[in-house]
């Protein structure tokens, strides 16, 4: 059976999206493959389709529980029963039974941390792993925007599993990050497919506002004005909940919030309601979106400045996957960047926590104040790495922490430079990835946008004039 037949019979698609065929044929020819495909291209097909033409099991390493759950549910909806996600959603008895019967599964999803457990590796080694997939592979690189320490260990995991055929997938990776991916996975030869980060059907706009009150009002105007559905991103959990209250008071009743502090069942419910069209707007933190396969999202609004260009492109890339006109709006007020400075600092243990872990050998679970999950991952990984290198653990952990904080500050400054630039916004972000920009209509606020293209048909002429008037005023504010 050829790839076209599998595409049609298994997945119901008539043709491939850009980059899918090249990646799939590279894998099926037996080449280790690294593919950088734009958000919305359908990266999951690049390993799901080959699985039906290869013997044995496909292992998929994924950084997020929500992403694993979404992918497993999508496969099950297509009738695939041989799929499992080994994660914390499983009860002890379920996990034990799964590990004892892994040979029954075609698709096994795991986190990189799960692959560090001896009992998991022990259960995987007897399997015939035909494809080892690393999703969101930029997490391997300390130069990537979402670095995860345990991703760096995946090269050793590959070796323990017999160095199987490997596919690394990402949507945003500079050449430096791609080099780290190749080295981190211990891939001697790799076929690379690097496609443009540009999504030409998504217009870009940045608005500078005076304060948070103006932002609240502008958000209501924009959500009312634009065609639905849409996503609004925030940097904090409480802000998502407050925004939904304000939107509902303004008459936008089919709105809901989503963040990592919610129960897993509640998050899955919101995802389902959004995918099935029961919700028009989701106000969310960055936890929402990975794996959300909804083609007709018409707008993405960033209420707060994203911490770096790569995550911004990931998030706006959830709009317009059907190829129709969509828009991305970023609302900026002075001081927004300080939010991410605080968030970045909270991702790492402080000096006191490091001292407890290293000098007093306190168990990571007993440190005071308690470590977050992210802090614990960092602490455990770098303490172990320091011990392996016979280095002073406290000094080493502080050096790694300070280095990563410096990198995050550089990323924030790159984002601010882009926000305040008067150049074409699309050209600027394409230059960031060493791409040559192309002139196109409906590009960005610096080149000119006709907002009526994205208007909800029920919006009155007066509302349209008000929106455009406020937009013109925003462009005249200092710093714009």
Foldseek 3Di string as FASTA:
>chain_A
DDLQVLCCPQPNDNDAFPPQVVLQVCVVVPFQAEEAAAALRCVVCSPVSVLVVDDWAEEEADADPVLLVLVQVVNVVSVAPQEDEPDPVDDPVRNVVCLVPVRSHRYYYYYLVVLVDPSNLVSQQVTDHQEYEYEQLLLCDLLRPNPFLSSLCQLVSCVSNPVHRYYYYHNDDAPVSVVSSCVSNVPPDYHYHYDFNDLQQAAEEEFEDADVVVLLVLVLLVLQWFDWAAEEEEADQVVQVVSQVSNVVVVQPLEEEDEPVDDPVVNVVVLVCVQVVSHGYYYYYLSPDNSSNHQAGAEYEYSAQDLFDRSVSNRRSSHHSVSHHHYYYYYDYPPSNVSVLVVLVLLEDDLQQLCCCQVVVDDQCPGPVHRDPSHSSLLVSQLVVCVVVVHRSSVRSVVVSVVSSVSSVVRNVLSLCLSLDLDQSSCSVSVVNPHHDDDDPSHYVSVDHDCVSRTDPPDDPVSVVVSVVVRVVRVPDPSD
